[in-house]
Amino acid sequence: SMFEPLKETVALLSTYGEEMPEEIHLQLQELPEHWDGTKKLCLRVKQSAAPLQANEVNIIRKKCQ
């Protein structure tokens, strides 16, 4: 749904005779998949960083006490 406005804009330009290169159409098809992959990567990194952050929190708490 995030890329629908872009697709609609390309379709609107097409109705006015402004054709986009084939590369643009391919990118619009591939972008949602790439975006999903990026979100999944972000979650994996967040999950792997959580224990490290918790460890740092404990170190800081010990220093403050």
C-alpha atoms as a PDB file:
ATOM      1  CA  SER A   1       0.000   0.000   0.000  1.00  0.00           C
ATOM      2  CA  MET A   2       2.982   2.257   0.600  1.00  0.00           C
ATOM      3  CA  PHE A   3       3.945   2.272  -3.073  1.00  0.00           C
ATOM      4  CA  GLU A   4       0.420   2.608  -4.496  1.00  0.00           C
ATOM      5  CA  PRO A   5       0.608   6.427  -4.765  1.00  0.00           C
ATOM      6  CA  LEU A   6       3.751   6.089  -6.872  1.00  0.00           C
ATOM      7  CA  LYS A   7       2.078   3.537  -9.127  1.00  0.00           C
ATOM      8  CA  GLU A   8      -0.970   5.793  -9.453  1.00  0.00           C
ATOM      9  CA  THR A   9       1.244   8.753 -10.345  1.00  0.00           C
ATOM     10  CA  VAL A  10       3.001   6.749 -13.054  1.00  0.00           C
ATOM     11  CA  ALA A  11      -0.391   5.623 -14.392  1.00  0.00           C
ATOM     12  CA  LEU A  12      -1.666   9.220 -14.388  1.00  0.00           C
ATOM     13  CA  LEU A  13       1.407  10.437 -16.250  1.00  0.00           C
ATOM     14  CA  SER A  14       0.860   7.625 -18.727  1.00  0.00           C
ATOM     15  CA  THR A  15      -2.684   8.838 -19.433  1.00  0.00           C
ATOM     16  CA  TYR A  16      -1.203  12.222 -20.363  1.00  0.00           C
ATOM     17  CA  GLY A  17       1.294  10.641 -22.725  1.00  0.00           C
ATOM     18  CA  GLU A  18       4.309  10.759 -20.435  1.00  0.00           C
ATOM     19  CA  GLU A  19       5.676   7.231 -20.549  1.00  0.00           C
ATOM     20  CA  MET A  20       8.144   6.136 -17.920  1.00  0.00           C
ATOM     21  CA  PRO A  21      11.104   3.919 -18.814  1.00  0.00           C
ATOM     22  CA  GLU A  22      10.637   0.178 -18.325  1.00  0.00           C
ATOM     23  CA  GLU A  23      13.187   0.357 -15.506  1.00  0.00           C
ATOM     24  CA  ILE A  24      10.756   2.473 -13.457  1.00  0.00           C
ATOM     25  CA  HIS A  25       7.975  -0.091 -13.894  1.00  0.00           C
ATOM     26  CA  LEU A  26      10.310  -2.902 -12.850  1.00  0.00           C
ATOM     27  CA  GLN A  27      11.456  -0.979  -9.795  1.00  0.00           C
ATOM     28  CA  LEU A  28       7.861  -0.322  -8.759  1.00  0.00           C
ATOM     29  CA  GLN A  29       7.205  -4.057  -8.913  1.00  0.00           C
ATOM     30  CA  GLU A  30      10.358  -4.954  -6.967  1.00  0.00           C
ATOM     31  CA  LEU A  31      10.260  -2.210  -4.336  1.00  0.00           C
ATOM     32  CA  PRO A  32       7.641  -3.802  -2.052  1.00  0.00           C
ATOM     33  CA  GLU A  33       9.685  -7.014  -1.864  1.00  0.00           C
ATOM     34  CA  HIS A  34      12.875  -5.083  -1.118  1.00  0.00           C
ATOM     35  CA  TRP A  35      11.067  -3.027   1.509  1.00  0.00           C
ATOM     36  CA  ASP A  36       9.777  -6.182   3.227  1.00  0.00           C
ATOM     37  CA  GLY A  37      13.311  -7.574   3.244  1.00  0.00           C
ATOM     38  CA  THR A  38      14.629  -4.360   4.763  1.00  0.00           C
ATOM     39  CA  LYS A  39      12.004  -4.455   7.524  1.00  0.00           C
ATOM     40  CA  LYS A  40      12.845  -8.095   8.303  1.00  0.00           C
ATOM     41  CA  LEU A  41      16.548  -7.249   8.444  1.00  0.00           C
ATOM     42  CA  CYS A  42      15.801  -4.379  10.806  1.00  0.00           C
ATOM     43  CA  LEU A  43      13.908  -6.709  13.147  1.00  0.00           C
ATOM     44  CA  ARG A  44      16.742  -9.260  13.127  1.00  0.00           C
ATOM     45  CA  VAL A  45      19.303  -6.584  13.947  1.00  0.00           C
ATOM     46  CA  LYS A  46      17.080  -5.212  16.699  1.00  0.00           C
ATOM     47  CA  GLN A  47      16.690  -8.682  18.201  1.00  0.00           C
ATOM     48  CA  SER A  48      20.414  -9.358  18.086  1.00  0.00           C
ATOM     49  CA  ALA A  49      21.225  -5.965  19.622  1.00  0.00           C
ATOM     50  CA  ALA A  50      18.715  -6.294  22.484  1.00  0.00           C
ATOM     51  CA  PRO A  51      20.924  -8.526  24.674  1.00  0.00           C
ATOM     52  CA  LEU A  52      23.881  -6.205  24.135  1.00  0.00           C
ATOM     53  CA  GLN A  53      21.780  -3.207  25.135  1.00  0.00           C
ATOM     54  CA  ALA A  54      20.493  -5.032  28.221  1.00  0.00           C
ATOM     55  CA  ASN A  55      24.076  -5.843  29.194  1.00  0.00           C
ATOM     56  CA  GLU A  56      25.088  -2.198  28.849  1.00  0.00           C
ATOM     57  CA  VAL A  57      22.100  -1.141  30.951  1.00  0.00           C
ATOM     58  CA  ASN A  58      23.229  -3.502  33.703  1.00  0.00           C
ATOM     59  CA  ILE A  59      26.791  -2.153  33.552  1.00  0.00           C
ATOM     60  CA  ILE A  60      25.540   1.440  33.829  1.00  0.00           C
ATOM     61  CA  ARG A  61      23.235   0.533  36.736  1.00  0.00           C
ATOM     62  CA  LYS A  62      26.123  -1.097  38.599  1.00  0.00           C
ATOM     63  CA  LYS A  63      28.285   1.984  38.035  1.00  0.00           C
ATOM     64  CA  CYS A  64      25.522   4.248  39.339  1.00  0.00           C
ATOM     65  CA  GLN A  65      25.087   2.209  42.504  1.00  0.00           C
END
